């Protein structure tokens, strides 16, 4: 299993020598701000880390794979993340 929000709070709390409650409040606030901005179709850029944005897909026709029936798929919006150069480099091991 990967890193959880609780793990992030624990690690950050130890690194910064701050209480878990304080770190939790800060993390929750940061996530809330990101969510609010995305809900307003505003991108959020964290230089070096990446960019959160809302991607829009136009309405389109699709096909039911079982029946072959043609369907109308409505337009949608979805959150997306594009990693920054520093994050890509760290993952690649450079």
C-alpha atoms as a PDB file:
ATOM      1  CA  UNK A   1       0.000   0.000   0.000  1.00  0.00           C
ATOM      2  CA  UNK A   2       1.178   3.513  -0.744  1.00  0.00           C
ATOM      3  CA  UNK A   3       1.588   6.552   1.423  1.00  0.00           C
ATOM      4  CA  UNK A   4      -1.605   7.736   3.132  1.00  0.00           C
ATOM      5  CA  UNK A   5      -2.646  11.174   4.328  1.00  0.00           C
ATOM      6  CA  UNK A   6      -1.940  10.019   7.887  1.00  0.00           C
ATOM      7  CA  UNK A   7       1.567   8.920   6.849  1.00  0.00           C
ATOM      8  CA  UNK A   8       2.198  12.340   5.297  1.00  0.00           C
ATOM      9  CA  UNK A   9       1.040  14.037   8.488  1.00  0.00           C
ATOM     10  CA  UNK A  10       3.244  11.806  10.653  1.00  0.00           C
ATOM     11  CA  UNK A  11       6.354  12.297   8.513  1.00  0.00           C
ATOM     12  CA  UNK A  12       5.848  16.044   8.128  1.00  0.00           C
ATOM     13  CA  UNK A  13       5.173  16.443  11.836  1.00  0.00           C
ATOM     14  CA  UNK A  14       8.491  14.783  12.675  1.00  0.00           C
ATOM     15  CA  UNK A  15      10.476  16.660  10.019  1.00  0.00           C
ATOM     16  CA  UNK A  16       9.141  20.061  11.061  1.00  0.00           C
ATOM     17  CA  UNK A  17       8.892  19.274  14.785  1.00  0.00           C
ATOM     18  CA  UNK A  18       5.259  20.396  14.789  1.00  0.00           C
ATOM     19  CA  UNK A  19       2.225  18.726  16.302  1.00  0.00           C
ATOM     20  CA  UNK A  20       0.272  16.292  14.181  1.00  0.00           C
ATOM     21  CA  UNK A  21      -2.818  18.404  14.762  1.00  0.00           C
ATOM     22  CA  UNK A  22      -1.114  21.513  13.373  1.00  0.00           C
ATOM     23  CA  UNK A  23       0.248  19.685  10.336  1.00  0.00           C
ATOM     24  CA  UNK A  24      -3.133  18.040   9.745  1.00  0.00           C
ATOM     25  CA  UNK A  25      -4.890  21.419   9.766  1.00  0.00           C
ATOM     26  CA  UNK A  26      -2.368  22.847   7.298  1.00  0.00           C
ATOM     27  CA  UNK A  27      -2.620  19.855   4.949  1.00  0.00           C
ATOM     28  CA  UNK A  28      -6.431  19.898   5.067  1.00  0.00           C
ATOM     29  CA  UNK A  29      -6.412  23.628   4.280  1.00  0.00           C
ATOM     30  CA  UNK A  30      -4.040  23.203   1.326  1.00  0.00           C
ATOM     31  CA  UNK A  31      -6.167  20.396  -0.107  1.00  0.00           C
ATOM     32  CA  UNK A  32      -9.322  22.452   0.434  1.00  0.00           C
ATOM     33  CA  UNK A  33      -7.828  25.437  -1.433  1.00  0.00           C
ATOM     34  CA  UNK A  34      -6.797  23.205  -4.354  1.00  0.00           C
ATOM     35  CA  UNK A  35     -10.276  21.661  -4.487  1.00  0.00           C
ATOM     36  CA  UNK A  36     -12.005  25.054  -4.340  1.00  0.00           C
ATOM     37  CA  UNK A  37      -9.896  26.460  -7.179  1.00  0.00           C
ATOM     38  CA  UNK A  38     -10.455  23.397  -9.369  1.00  0.00           C
ATOM     39  CA  UNK A  39     -14.204  23.626  -8.710  1.00  0.00           C
ATOM     40  CA  UNK A  40     -13.953  27.173 -10.140  1.00  0.00           C
ATOM     41  CA  UNK A  41     -12.088  25.837 -13.227  1.00  0.00           C
ATOM     42  CA  UNK A  42      -8.871  27.518 -12.063  1.00  0.00           C
ATOM     43  CA  UNK A  43      -5.611  25.569 -12.426  1.00  0.00           C
ATOM     44  CA  UNK A  44      -3.268  25.226  -9.448  1.00  0.00           C
ATOM     45  CA  UNK A  45       0.455  25.233 -10.212  1.00  0.00           C
ATOM     46  CA  UNK A  46       3.082  24.135  -7.698  1.00  0.00           C
ATOM     47  CA  UNK A  47       6.311  25.018  -9.509  1.00  0.00           C
ATOM     48  CA  UNK A  48       8.560  21.985  -9.867  1.00  0.00           C
ATOM     49  CA  UNK A  49       5.952  19.612  -8.452  1.00  0.00           C
ATOM     50  CA  UNK A  50       3.149  19.892 -10.976  1.00  0.00           C
ATOM     51  CA  UNK A  51      -0.097  21.412 -12.102  1.00  0.00           C
ATOM     52  CA  UNK A  52      -3.632  20.452 -11.122  1.00  0.00           C
ATOM     53  CA  UNK A  53      -6.249  21.384 -13.698  1.00  0.00           C
ATOM     54  CA  UNK A  54      -9.741  20.603 -14.906  1.00  0.00           C
ATOM     55  CA  UNK A  55      -9.957  18.854 -18.245  1.00  0.00           C
ATOM     56  CA  UNK A  56     -13.142  19.013 -20.257  1.00  0.00           C
ATOM     57  CA  UNK A  57     -14.392  16.358 -22.643  1.00  0.00           C
ATOM     58  CA  UNK A  58     -16.996  17.251 -25.221  1.00  0.00           C
ATOM     59  CA  UNK A  59     -20.204  15.277 -25.595  1.00  0.00           C
ATOM     60  CA  UNK A  60     -19.727  12.411 -28.016  1.00  0.00           C
ATOM     61  CA  UNK A  61     -21.245   9.256 -29.372  1.00  0.00           C
ATOM     62  CA  UNK A  62     -20.179   5.909 -27.990  1.00  0.00           C
ATOM     63  CA  UNK A  63     -21.185   2.327 -28.433  1.00  0.00           C
ATOM     64  CA  UNK A  64     -22.346  -0.223 -25.880  1.00  0.00           C
ATOM     65  CA  UNK A  65     -19.773  -3.027 -26.272  1.00  0.00           C
ATOM     66  CA  UNK A  66     -22.320  -5.723 -25.451  1.00  0.00           C
ATOM     67  CA  UNK A  67     -25.345  -4.676 -27.511  1.00  0.00           C
ATOM     68  CA  UNK A  68     -23.663  -2.471 -30.092  1.00  0.00           C
ATOM     69  CA  UNK A  69     -26.250   0.223 -29.371  1.00  0.00           C
ATOM     70  CA  UNK A  70     -25.117   3.790 -30.122  1.00  0.00           C
ATOM     71  CA  UNK A  71     -25.149   5.976 -27.008  1.00  0.00           C
ATOM     72  CA  UNK A  72     -24.809   9.697 -26.417  1.00  0.00           C
ATOM     73  CA  UNK A  73     -22.080  10.319 -23.831  1.00  0.00           C
ATOM     74  CA  UNK A  74     -22.558  13.690 -22.104  1.00  0.00           C
ATOM     75  CA  UNK A  75     -19.808  16.282 -21.764  1.00  0.00           C
ATOM     76  CA  UNK A  76     -17.758  15.898 -18.603  1.00  0.00           C
ATOM     77  CA  UNK A  77     -15.168  17.669 -16.488  1.00  0.00           C
ATOM     78  CA  UNK A  78     -12.499  15.782 -14.591  1.00  0.00           C
ATOM     79  CA  UNK A  79      -9.559  16.789 -12.402  1.00  0.00           C
ATOM     80  CA  UNK A  80      -6.130  16.058 -13.847  1.00  0.00           C
ATOM     81  CA  UNK A  81      -2.520  16.335 -12.744  1.00  0.00           C
ATOM     82  CA  UNK A  82       0.507  17.070 -14.921  1.00  0.00           C
ATOM     83  CA  UNK A  83       3.810  16.444 -13.128  1.00  0.00           C
ATOM     84  CA  UNK A  84       6.480  19.150 -13.049  1.00  0.00           C
ATOM     85  CA  UNK A  85      10.083  18.738 -14.170  1.00  0.00           C
ATOM     86  CA  UNK A  86      11.477  18.199 -10.650  1.00  0.00           C
ATOM     87  CA  UNK A  87       8.935  15.499  -9.879  1.00  0.00           C
ATOM     88  CA  UNK A  88       9.558  13.707 -13.179  1.00  0.00           C
ATOM     89  CA  UNK A  89      13.294  13.865 -12.591  1.00  0.00           C
ATOM     90  CA  UNK A  90      12.970  12.500  -9.037  1.00  0.00           C
ATOM     91  CA  UNK A  91      10.813   9.578 -10.202  1.00  0.00           C
ATOM     92  CA  UNK A  92      13.230   8.757 -13.014  1.00  0.00           C
ATOM     93  CA  UNK A  93      16.074   8.768 -10.488  1.00  0.00           C
ATOM     94  CA  UNK A  94      18.067  11.714 -11.855  1.00  0.00           C
END
